[in-house]
């Protein structure tokens, strides 16, 4: 029994490490795409996947740490306000996707419910943190800026996430049921 718990922890730590590495690496790929590279939100994908694969604790930590580590290593995203707001947003993504996926029956529609709820609530967290950060700096964060940043500019990423993440989760679930990678 103890070996099984340790094995699960090792698998979660390994998968979380891979997700963190992807958070650092994927923006280099999408940053090369003019106009929509950042709108694809490449760091969001591994954090959301981590929520589904490893659960809320691991994904929350990866989401919180990834933008800060990326700033420390590569100078991007700018720490204030983008990096800090993104840290809280991604932590919310990971926690919410992990909690909902764990709580709901393992059916395909519930993958979408978990994903969309995480994306919506994560964007609300992003907006709240931006209001707090811009309030301190004296720069107003308006409703228009929230809609623009959370929905309009993020639309390419939203589409990619909704199209890609459930397919990956379904494929991982099927491979685990067949014993691949066990």
N, C-alpha and C. Protein backbone atom coordinates (compact mmCIF):
# COMPACT_ATOMS: atom_id res chain seq x y z
N UNK A 1 0.82 -1.19 0.00
CA UNK A 1 0.00 0.00 0.00
C UNK A 1 0.87 1.25 0.00
N UNK A 2 1.90 1.24 0.84
CA UNK A 2 2.78 2.39 0.92
C UNK A 2 3.51 2.61 -0.41
N UNK A 3 3.93 1.53 -1.05
CA UNK A 3 4.60 1.63 -2.33
C UNK A 3 3.68 2.25 -3.37
N UNK A 4 2.40 1.90 -3.32
CA UNK A 4 1.43 2.44 -4.27
C UNK A 4 1.28 3.95 -4.09
N UNK A 5 1.22 4.41 -2.83
CA UNK A 5 1.11 5.84 -2.58
C UNK A 5 2.37 6.57 -3.03
N UNK A 6 3.52 5.98 -2.76
CA UNK A 6 4.77 6.59 -3.20
C UNK A 6 4.86 6.61 -4.72
N UNK A 7 4.41 5.54 -5.35
CA UNK A 7 4.42 5.47 -6.80
C UNK A 7 3.54 6.56 -7.40
N UNK A 8 2.37 6.77 -6.82
CA UNK A 8 1.46 7.81 -7.30
C UNK A 8 2.07 9.20 -7.12
N UNK A 9 2.74 9.42 -5.99
CA UNK A 9 3.40 10.70 -5.75
C UNK A 9 4.52 10.93 -6.76
N UNK A 10 5.27 9.89 -7.04
CA UNK A 10 6.36 10.02 -8.01
C UNK A 10 5.80 10.32 -9.40
N UNK A 11 4.73 9.62 -9.78
CA UNK A 11 4.11 9.88 -11.09
C UNK A 11 3.59 11.32 -11.15
N UNK A 12 2.95 11.79 -10.07
CA UNK A 12 2.43 13.16 -10.06
C UNK A 12 3.56 14.20 -10.10
N UNK A 13 4.63 13.95 -9.36
CA UNK A 13 5.77 14.87 -9.39
C UNK A 13 6.41 14.90 -10.77
N UNK A 14 6.53 13.74 -11.39
CA UNK A 14 7.12 13.66 -12.72
C UNK A 14 6.24 14.38 -13.74
N UNK A 15 4.94 14.09 -13.72
CA UNK A 15 4.02 14.75 -14.65
C UNK A 15 3.98 16.26 -14.40
N UNK A 16 4.01 16.68 -13.14
CA UNK A 16 4.03 18.11 -12.82
C UNK A 16 5.29 18.77 -13.34
N UNK A 17 6.42 18.09 -13.20
CA UNK A 17 7.67 18.62 -13.72
C UNK A 17 7.64 18.79 -15.22
N UNK A 18 7.04 17.81 -15.90
CA UNK A 18 6.90 17.91 -17.36
C UNK A 18 6.00 19.08 -17.72
N UNK A 19 4.90 19.25 -16.98
CA UNK A 19 3.99 20.38 -17.23
C UNK A 19 4.69 21.71 -17.00
N UNK A 20 5.49 21.80 -15.95
CA UNK A 20 6.23 23.03 -15.69
C UNK A 20 7.23 23.31 -16.82
N UNK A 21 7.92 22.27 -17.27
CA UNK A 21 8.85 22.44 -18.39
C UNK A 21 8.11 22.92 -19.64
N UNK A 22 6.93 22.36 -19.89
CA UNK A 22 6.13 22.82 -21.04
C UNK A 22 5.71 24.27 -20.88
N UNK A 23 5.39 24.69 -19.65
CA UNK A 23 5.04 26.09 -19.42
C UNK A 23 6.20 27.01 -19.79
N UNK A 24 7.41 26.56 -19.57
CA UNK A 24 8.58 27.37 -19.89
C UNK A 24 8.90 27.33 -21.38
N UNK A 25 8.65 26.20 -22.02
CA UNK A 25 9.06 25.97 -23.41
C UNK A 25 8.03 26.42 -24.45
N UNK A 26 6.75 26.11 -24.24
CA UNK A 26 5.73 26.39 -25.27
C UNK A 26 5.66 27.85 -25.72
N UNK A 27 5.83 28.84 -24.84
CA UNK A 27 5.78 30.23 -25.32
C UNK A 27 6.85 30.56 -26.36
N UNK A 28 7.96 29.82 -26.35
CA UNK A 28 8.97 30.04 -27.38
C UNK A 28 8.44 29.62 -28.76
N UNK A 29 7.63 28.58 -28.80
CA UNK A 29 7.06 28.12 -30.07
C UNK A 29 5.99 29.06 -30.58
N UNK A 30 5.07 29.42 -29.71
CA UNK A 30 3.95 30.26 -30.15
C UNK A 30 4.34 31.72 -30.30
N UNK A 31 5.40 32.14 -29.63
CA UNK A 31 5.84 33.53 -29.74
C UNK A 31 6.32 33.87 -31.14
N UNK A 32 6.62 32.85 -31.92
CA UNK A 32 7.09 33.07 -33.29
C UNK A 32 5.94 33.35 -34.26
N UNK A 33 4.71 33.13 -33.80
CA UNK A 33 3.55 33.34 -34.67
C UNK A 33 3.11 34.79 -34.52
N UNK A 34 3.30 35.57 -35.57
CA UNK A 34 2.94 36.98 -35.53
C UNK A 34 1.46 37.16 -35.21
N UNK A 35 1.13 38.19 -34.49
CA UNK A 35 -0.23 38.63 -34.19
C UNK A 35 -0.94 37.79 -33.14
N UNK A 36 -0.87 36.44 -33.20
CA UNK A 36 -1.69 35.66 -32.26
C UNK A 36 -0.88 34.75 -31.34
N UNK A 37 0.44 34.84 -31.37
CA UNK A 37 1.28 33.95 -30.57
C UNK A 37 0.94 33.98 -29.09
N UNK A 38 0.87 35.17 -28.50
CA UNK A 38 0.54 35.28 -27.08
C UNK A 38 -0.92 34.98 -26.82
N UNK A 39 -1.78 35.27 -27.78
CA UNK A 39 -3.22 35.02 -27.61
C UNK A 39 -3.53 33.53 -27.52
N UNK A 40 -2.60 32.68 -27.94
CA UNK A 40 -2.82 31.23 -27.84
C UNK A 40 -2.66 30.74 -26.41
N UNK A 41 -2.16 31.58 -25.54
CA UNK A 41 -2.01 31.27 -24.11
C UNK A 41 -1.33 29.91 -23.90
N UNK A 42 -0.09 29.77 -24.37
CA UNK A 42 0.56 28.47 -24.31
C UNK A 42 0.84 27.95 -22.90
N UNK A 43 1.03 28.83 -21.93
CA UNK A 43 1.31 28.37 -20.57
C UNK A 43 0.07 27.79 -19.90
N UNK A 44 -1.09 28.16 -20.39
CA UNK A 44 -2.34 27.69 -19.80
C UNK A 44 -2.55 26.19 -20.05
N UNK A 45 -2.13 25.72 -21.20
CA UNK A 45 -2.38 24.33 -21.60
C UNK A 45 -1.76 23.33 -20.61
N UNK A 46 -0.45 23.43 -20.30
CA UNK A 46 0.12 22.46 -19.37
C UNK A 46 -0.47 22.55 -17.96
N UNK A 47 -0.84 23.75 -17.53
CA UNK A 47 -1.41 23.89 -16.19
C UNK A 47 -2.78 23.22 -16.14
N UNK A 48 -3.61 23.45 -17.14
CA UNK A 48 -4.92 22.81 -17.18
C UNK A 48 -4.77 21.29 -17.25
N UNK A 49 -3.85 20.82 -18.08
CA UNK A 49 -3.61 19.38 -18.16
C UNK A 49 -3.12 18.83 -16.83
N UNK A 50 -2.30 19.57 -16.14
CA UNK A 50 -1.80 19.13 -14.84
C UNK A 50 -2.96 18.97 -13.86
N UNK A 51 -3.96 19.85 -13.94
CA UNK A 51 -5.13 19.71 -13.09
C UNK A 51 -5.86 18.40 -13.34
N UNK A 52 -5.99 18.04 -14.60
CA UNK A 52 -6.67 16.79 -14.96
C UNK A 52 -5.83 15.57 -14.60
N UNK A 53 -4.53 15.66 -14.80
CA UNK A 53 -3.65 14.51 -14.62
C UNK A 53 -3.25 14.31 -13.16
N UNK A 54 -2.84 15.38 -12.51
CA UNK A 54 -2.22 15.28 -11.18
C UNK A 54 -3.12 15.74 -10.05
N UNK A 55 -4.13 16.52 -10.36
CA UNK A 55 -5.02 17.02 -9.32
C UNK A 55 -4.76 18.47 -8.97
N UNK A 56 -5.60 19.00 -8.09
CA UNK A 56 -5.58 20.43 -7.81
C UNK A 56 -4.32 20.94 -7.10
N UNK A 57 -3.79 20.15 -6.18
CA UNK A 57 -2.62 20.62 -5.43
C UNK A 57 -1.42 20.85 -6.36
N UNK A 58 -1.07 19.82 -7.11
CA UNK A 58 0.09 19.92 -8.00
C UNK A 58 -0.13 21.01 -9.05
N UNK A 59 -1.30 21.03 -9.65
CA UNK A 59 -1.59 22.00 -10.71
C UNK A 59 -1.62 23.42 -10.17
N UNK A 60 -2.15 23.60 -8.97
CA UNK A 60 -2.17 24.93 -8.37
C UNK A 60 -0.77 25.47 -8.15
N UNK A 61 0.12 24.61 -7.68
CA UNK A 61 1.51 25.02 -7.45
C UNK A 61 2.20 25.33 -8.78
N UNK A 62 2.01 24.46 -9.77
CA UNK A 62 2.63 24.68 -11.08
C UNK A 62 2.11 25.98 -11.68
N UNK A 63 0.81 26.21 -11.60
CA UNK A 63 0.23 27.45 -12.14
C UNK A 63 0.77 28.69 -11.46
N UNK A 64 0.93 28.63 -10.16
CA UNK A 64 1.43 29.78 -9.42
C UNK A 64 2.89 30.07 -9.73
N UNK A 65 3.68 29.02 -9.87
CA UNK A 65 5.12 29.16 -10.02
C UNK A 65 5.55 29.44 -11.47
N UNK A 66 4.87 28.87 -12.44
CA UNK A 66 5.34 28.91 -13.84
C UNK A 66 5.61 30.32 -14.37
N UNK A 67 4.68 31.27 -14.27
CA UNK A 67 4.98 32.61 -14.80
C UNK A 67 6.13 33.30 -14.06
N UNK A 68 6.22 33.07 -12.75
CA UNK A 68 7.29 33.69 -11.97
C UNK A 68 8.64 33.10 -12.34
N UNK A 69 8.69 31.78 -12.53
CA UNK A 69 9.93 31.13 -12.94
C UNK A 69 10.32 31.55 -14.36
N UNK A 70 9.35 31.65 -15.23
CA UNK A 70 9.63 32.06 -16.61
C UNK A 70 10.18 33.48 -16.64
N UNK A 71 9.60 34.36 -15.81
CA UNK A 71 10.13 35.73 -15.72
C UNK A 71 11.56 35.71 -15.20
N UNK A 72 11.81 34.92 -14.17
CA UNK A 72 13.14 34.85 -13.57
C UNK A 72 14.18 34.34 -14.57
N UNK A 73 13.81 33.33 -15.35
CA UNK A 73 14.75 32.74 -16.30
C UNK A 73 14.89 33.53 -17.60
N UNK A 74 13.77 34.04 -18.12
CA UNK A 74 13.77 34.61 -19.47
C UNK A 74 13.30 36.06 -19.55
N UNK A 75 12.87 36.63 -18.43
CA UNK A 75 12.42 38.03 -18.44
C UNK A 75 11.03 38.24 -18.99
N UNK A 76 10.32 37.17 -19.25
CA UNK A 76 8.95 37.26 -19.78
C UNK A 76 8.08 36.26 -19.05
N UNK A 77 6.85 36.51 -18.84
CA UNK A 77 6.12 37.76 -19.08
C UNK A 77 6.57 38.82 -18.08
N UNK A 78 6.38 40.11 -18.40
CA UNK A 78 6.72 41.15 -17.44
C UNK A 78 6.04 40.86 -16.10
N UNK A 79 6.78 41.01 -15.03
CA UNK A 79 6.29 40.60 -13.72
C UNK A 79 5.04 41.36 -13.28
N UNK A 80 5.07 42.69 -13.39
CA UNK A 80 3.94 43.50 -12.92
C UNK A 80 3.35 44.23 -14.11
N UNK A 81 2.07 44.14 -14.34
CA UNK A 81 1.07 43.34 -13.64
C UNK A 81 0.85 41.96 -14.27
N UNK A 82 1.41 41.73 -15.45
CA UNK A 82 1.07 40.52 -16.22
C UNK A 82 1.47 39.24 -15.50
N UNK A 83 2.72 39.13 -15.08
CA UNK A 83 3.22 37.89 -14.48
C UNK A 83 2.50 37.52 -13.19
N UNK A 84 2.28 38.49 -12.34
CA UNK A 84 1.61 38.20 -11.07
C UNK A 84 0.16 37.82 -11.31
N UNK A 85 -0.54 38.59 -12.15
CA UNK A 85 -1.94 38.26 -12.44
C UNK A 85 -2.04 36.89 -13.10
N UNK A 86 -1.10 36.58 -13.98
CA UNK A 86 -1.11 35.29 -14.65
C UNK A 86 -0.85 34.16 -13.66
N UNK A 87 0.02 34.39 -12.67
CA UNK A 87 0.29 33.37 -11.66
C UNK A 87 -0.98 32.98 -10.92
N UNK A 88 -1.75 33.97 -10.51
CA UNK A 88 -2.99 33.68 -9.80
C UNK A 88 -4.03 33.05 -10.72
N UNK A 89 -4.08 33.52 -11.96
CA UNK A 89 -5.01 32.95 -12.95
C UNK A 89 -4.69 31.48 -13.19
N UNK A 90 -3.42 31.17 -13.43
CA UNK A 90 -3.04 29.79 -13.72
C UNK A 90 -3.20 28.89 -12.50
N UNK A 91 -2.92 29.43 -11.32
CA UNK A 91 -3.15 28.64 -10.11
C UNK A 91 -4.63 28.29 -9.99
N UNK A 92 -5.50 29.27 -10.28
CA UNK A 92 -6.94 29.02 -10.24
C UNK A 92 -7.33 27.98 -11.30
N UNK A 93 -6.76 28.08 -12.50
CA UNK A 93 -7.02 27.09 -13.55
C UNK A 93 -6.71 25.68 -13.05
N UNK A 94 -5.52 25.52 -12.50
CA UNK A 94 -5.09 24.20 -12.06
C UNK A 94 -5.94 23.66 -10.92
N UNK A 95 -6.22 24.51 -9.94
CA UNK A 95 -7.01 24.07 -8.79
C UNK A 95 -8.43 23.72 -9.21
N UNK A 96 -9.05 24.58 -9.97
CA UNK A 96 -10.46 24.38 -10.35
C UNK A 96 -10.61 23.17 -11.28
N UNK A 97 -9.74 23.07 -12.29
CA UNK A 97 -9.85 21.91 -13.20
C UNK A 97 -9.61 20.61 -12.43
N UNK A 98 -8.64 20.63 -11.50
CA UNK A 98 -8.35 19.43 -10.72
C UNK A 98 -9.46 19.04 -9.78
N UNK A 99 -10.03 20.02 -9.08
CA UNK A 99 -11.12 19.75 -8.14
C UNK A 99 -12.35 19.23 -8.87
N UNK A 100 -12.74 19.93 -9.93
CA UNK A 100 -13.96 19.52 -10.65
C UNK A 100 -13.79 18.17 -11.33
N UNK A 101 -12.65 17.94 -11.95
CA UNK A 101 -12.44 16.66 -12.63
C UNK A 101 -12.45 15.51 -11.64
N UNK A 102 -11.89 15.74 -10.46
CA UNK A 102 -11.88 14.70 -9.42
C UNK A 102 -13.28 14.46 -8.87
N UNK A 103 -14.08 15.53 -8.75
CA UNK A 103 -15.40 15.44 -8.11
C UNK A 103 -16.48 14.90 -9.05
N UNK A 104 -16.37 15.19 -10.33
CA UNK A 104 -17.42 14.80 -11.28
C UNK A 104 -17.18 13.39 -11.81
N UNK A 105 -18.25 12.71 -12.22
CA UNK A 105 -18.07 11.39 -12.84
C UNK A 105 -17.18 11.50 -14.09
N UNK A 106 -16.40 10.48 -14.33
CA UNK A 106 -15.44 10.49 -15.44
C UNK A 106 -16.13 10.23 -16.77
N UNK A 107 -16.88 11.24 -17.21
CA UNK A 107 -17.55 11.18 -18.51
C UNK A 107 -17.06 12.34 -19.35
N UNK A 108 -17.09 12.17 -20.66
CA UNK A 108 -16.55 13.18 -21.58
C UNK A 108 -17.17 14.57 -21.36
N UNK A 109 -18.49 14.70 -21.21
CA UNK A 109 -19.03 16.06 -20.99
C UNK A 109 -18.46 16.74 -19.75
N UNK A 110 -18.11 15.95 -18.74
CA UNK A 110 -17.57 16.54 -17.51
C UNK A 110 -16.15 17.06 -17.68
N UNK A 111 -15.43 16.55 -18.66
CA UNK A 111 -14.11 17.11 -18.99
C UNK A 111 -14.31 18.53 -19.48
N UNK A 112 -15.28 18.72 -20.36
CA UNK A 112 -15.57 20.05 -20.89
C UNK A 112 -16.10 20.98 -19.79
N UNK A 113 -16.94 20.46 -18.92
CA UNK A 113 -17.48 21.27 -17.82
C UNK A 113 -16.33 21.72 -16.92
N UNK A 114 -15.45 20.81 -16.56
CA UNK A 114 -14.30 21.15 -15.71
C UNK A 114 -13.40 22.17 -16.38
N UNK A 115 -13.13 21.97 -17.65
CA UNK A 115 -12.26 22.87 -18.40
C UNK A 115 -12.86 24.27 -18.52
N UNK A 116 -14.09 24.35 -18.95
CA UNK A 116 -14.73 25.66 -19.17
C UNK A 116 -14.92 26.40 -17.85
N UNK A 117 -15.31 25.69 -16.81
CA UNK A 117 -15.45 26.34 -15.49
C UNK A 117 -14.10 26.87 -15.02
N UNK A 118 -13.05 26.09 -15.19
CA UNK A 118 -11.71 26.54 -14.78
C UNK A 118 -11.29 27.77 -15.58
N UNK A 119 -11.57 27.77 -16.88
CA UNK A 119 -11.18 28.90 -17.71
C UNK A 119 -11.97 30.16 -17.34
N UNK A 120 -13.25 30.02 -17.09
CA UNK A 120 -14.06 31.19 -16.71
C UNK A 120 -13.65 31.74 -15.35
N UNK A 121 -13.55 30.87 -14.35
CA UNK A 121 -13.21 31.32 -13.01
C UNK A 121 -11.76 31.82 -12.93
N UNK A 122 -10.88 31.20 -13.69
CA UNK A 122 -9.50 31.68 -13.75
C UNK A 122 -9.41 33.08 -14.32
N UNK A 123 -10.22 33.37 -15.32
CA UNK A 123 -10.24 34.72 -15.89
C UNK A 123 -10.81 35.74 -14.91
N UNK A 124 -11.77 35.31 -14.11
CA UNK A 124 -12.31 36.19 -13.06
C UNK A 124 -11.20 36.51 -12.04
N UNK A 125 -10.45 35.49 -11.64
CA UNK A 125 -9.33 35.70 -10.73
C UNK A 125 -8.32 36.66 -11.35
N UNK A 126 -8.01 36.46 -12.62
CA UNK A 126 -7.10 37.34 -13.35
C UNK A 126 -7.60 38.79 -13.29
N UNK A 127 -8.89 38.98 -13.52
CA UNK A 127 -9.47 40.32 -13.48
C UNK A 127 -9.37 40.95 -12.09
N UNK A 128 -9.67 40.17 -11.06
CA UNK A 128 -9.61 40.69 -9.68
C UNK A 128 -8.18 41.09 -9.33
N UNK A 129 -7.22 40.25 -9.68
CA UNK A 129 -5.82 40.56 -9.38
C UNK A 129 -5.39 41.80 -10.15
N UNK A 130 -5.82 41.94 -11.40
CA UNK A 130 -5.49 43.13 -12.17
C UNK A 130 -6.09 44.38 -11.56
N UNK A 131 -7.32 44.29 -11.07
CA UNK A 131 -7.94 45.44 -10.41
C UNK A 131 -7.11 45.83 -9.20
N UNK A 132 -6.70 44.86 -8.40
CA UNK A 132 -5.89 45.15 -7.21
C UNK A 132 -4.53 45.74 -7.58
N UNK A 133 -3.87 45.15 -8.56
CA UNK A 133 -2.54 45.62 -8.95
C UNK A 133 -2.59 47.00 -9.60
N UNK A 134 -3.55 47.22 -10.47
CA UNK A 134 -3.63 48.52 -11.12
C UNK A 134 -4.15 49.59 -10.16
N UNK A 135 -4.94 49.18 -9.18
CA UNK A 135 -5.39 50.14 -8.17
C UNK A 135 -4.23 50.67 -7.35
N UNK A 136 -3.27 49.80 -7.07
CA UNK A 136 -2.07 50.20 -6.32
C UNK A 136 -1.23 51.16 -7.16
N UNK A 137 -1.16 50.90 -8.46
CA UNK A 137 -0.33 51.73 -9.34
C UNK A 137 -1.05 52.99 -9.80
N UNK A 138 -2.33 53.08 -9.54
CA UNK A 138 -3.09 54.26 -9.93
C UNK A 138 -3.60 54.22 -11.36
N UNK A 139 -3.38 53.11 -12.05
CA UNK A 139 -3.87 52.96 -13.43
C UNK A 139 -5.18 52.19 -13.36
N UNK A 140 -6.27 52.76 -13.86
CA UNK A 140 -7.56 52.06 -13.75
C UNK A 140 -7.62 50.82 -14.64
N UNK A 141 -8.30 49.81 -14.13
CA UNK A 141 -8.55 48.60 -14.90
C UNK A 141 -10.05 48.55 -15.12
N UNK A 142 -10.47 48.89 -16.30
CA UNK A 142 -11.90 49.04 -16.60
C UNK A 142 -12.54 47.72 -17.02
N UNK A 143 -13.85 47.74 -17.06
CA UNK A 143 -14.62 46.61 -17.54
C UNK A 143 -14.24 46.29 -18.99
N UNK A 144 -14.01 47.32 -19.79
CA UNK A 144 -13.62 47.13 -21.19
C UNK A 144 -12.27 46.43 -21.29
N UNK A 145 -11.32 46.80 -20.42
CA UNK A 145 -10.03 46.12 -20.43
C UNK A 145 -10.16 44.66 -20.01
N UNK A 146 -11.04 44.39 -19.05
CA UNK A 146 -11.27 43.01 -18.63
C UNK A 146 -11.83 42.18 -19.78
N UNK A 147 -12.89 42.67 -20.42
CA UNK A 147 -13.51 41.94 -21.54
C UNK A 147 -12.50 41.74 -22.66
N UNK A 148 -11.75 42.79 -22.95
CA UNK A 148 -10.75 42.69 -24.02
C UNK A 148 -9.68 41.65 -23.69
N UNK A 149 -9.12 41.72 -22.48
CA UNK A 149 -8.04 40.81 -22.11
C UNK A 149 -8.49 39.40 -21.84
N UNK A 150 -9.66 39.25 -21.20
CA UNK A 150 -10.12 37.92 -20.79
C UNK A 150 -10.86 37.18 -21.88
N UNK A 151 -11.46 37.90 -22.81
CA UNK A 151 -12.28 37.22 -23.82
C UNK A 151 -11.84 37.51 -25.25
N UNK A 152 -11.86 38.76 -25.64
CA UNK A 152 -11.63 39.09 -27.05
C UNK A 152 -10.21 38.71 -27.49
N UNK A 153 -9.21 39.23 -26.79
CA UNK A 153 -7.82 38.92 -27.16
C UNK A 153 -7.46 37.47 -26.90
N UNK A 154 -8.16 36.83 -25.96
CA UNK A 154 -7.86 35.45 -25.59
C UNK A 154 -8.63 34.42 -26.43
N UNK A 155 -9.47 34.87 -27.34
CA UNK A 155 -10.31 33.96 -28.10
C UNK A 155 -9.54 32.85 -28.84
N UNK A 156 -8.42 33.16 -29.51
CA UNK A 156 -7.68 32.06 -30.15
C UNK A 156 -7.23 30.99 -29.14
N UNK A 157 -6.76 31.42 -27.98
CA UNK A 157 -6.36 30.47 -26.95
C UNK A 157 -7.52 29.67 -26.41
N UNK A 158 -8.65 30.32 -26.21
CA UNK A 158 -9.85 29.64 -25.72
C UNK A 158 -10.24 28.53 -26.69
N UNK A 159 -10.23 28.84 -27.96
CA UNK A 159 -10.59 27.85 -28.99
C UNK A 159 -9.60 26.68 -28.98
N UNK A 160 -8.31 26.99 -28.92
CA UNK A 160 -7.29 25.93 -28.89
C UNK A 160 -7.46 25.07 -27.65
N UNK A 161 -7.69 25.68 -26.50
CA UNK A 161 -7.82 24.93 -25.25
C UNK A 161 -9.03 24.00 -25.29
N UNK A 162 -10.15 24.51 -25.74
CA UNK A 162 -11.37 23.70 -25.78
C UNK A 162 -11.25 22.57 -26.81
N UNK A 163 -10.51 22.82 -27.88
CA UNK A 163 -10.34 21.78 -28.91
C UNK A 163 -9.27 20.76 -28.53
N UNK A 164 -8.22 21.18 -27.86
CA UNK A 164 -7.06 20.33 -27.63
C UNK A 164 -7.08 19.57 -26.30
N UNK A 165 -7.37 20.26 -25.21
CA UNK A 165 -7.22 19.66 -23.88
C UNK A 165 -8.14 18.45 -23.67
N UNK A 166 -9.44 18.53 -23.99
CA UNK A 166 -10.26 17.32 -23.80
C UNK A 166 -9.76 16.12 -24.60
N UNK A 167 -9.28 16.35 -25.81
CA UNK A 167 -8.77 15.26 -26.64
C UNK A 167 -7.56 14.60 -25.95
N UNK A 168 -6.68 15.41 -25.39
CA UNK A 168 -5.51 14.87 -24.70
C UNK A 168 -5.93 14.09 -23.46
N UNK A 169 -6.86 14.65 -22.68
CA UNK A 169 -7.33 13.98 -21.46
C UNK A 169 -7.99 12.65 -21.80
N UNK A 170 -8.83 12.64 -22.84
CA UNK A 170 -9.50 11.40 -23.27
C UNK A 170 -8.45 10.37 -23.71
N UNK A 171 -7.48 10.80 -24.49
CA UNK A 171 -6.43 9.88 -24.96
C UNK A 171 -5.62 9.33 -23.78
N UNK A 172 -5.29 10.18 -22.83
CA UNK A 172 -4.55 9.71 -21.65
C UNK A 172 -5.38 8.71 -20.85
N UNK A 173 -6.65 8.99 -20.67
CA UNK A 173 -7.53 8.07 -19.94
C UNK A 173 -7.61 6.71 -20.64
N UNK A 174 -7.74 6.73 -21.96
CA UNK A 174 -7.82 5.48 -22.72
C UNK A 174 -6.51 4.70 -22.62
N UNK A 175 -5.39 5.40 -22.71
CA UNK A 175 -4.10 4.69 -22.63
C UNK A 175 -3.89 4.11 -21.24
N UNK A 176 -4.34 4.81 -20.20
CA UNK A 176 -4.21 4.28 -18.84
C UNK A 176 -5.11 3.07 -18.62
N UNK A 177 -6.30 3.08 -19.21
CA UNK A 177 -7.20 1.92 -19.08
C UNK A 177 -6.62 0.70 -19.77
N UNK A 178 -5.87 0.93 -20.83
CA UNK A 178 -5.26 -0.20 -21.58
C UNK A 178 -3.96 -0.64 -20.92
N UNK A 179 -3.48 0.13 -19.95
CA UNK A 179 -2.25 -0.25 -19.27
C UNK A 179 -1.01 0.33 -19.88
N UNK A 180 -1.14 1.24 -20.85
CA UNK A 180 0.02 1.86 -21.45
C UNK A 180 0.61 2.84 -20.45
N UNK A 181 1.88 2.74 -20.20
CA UNK A 181 2.58 3.65 -19.29
C UNK A 181 2.38 3.31 -17.83
N UNK A 182 1.77 2.19 -17.53
CA UNK A 182 1.53 1.81 -16.12
C UNK A 182 2.73 1.12 -15.54
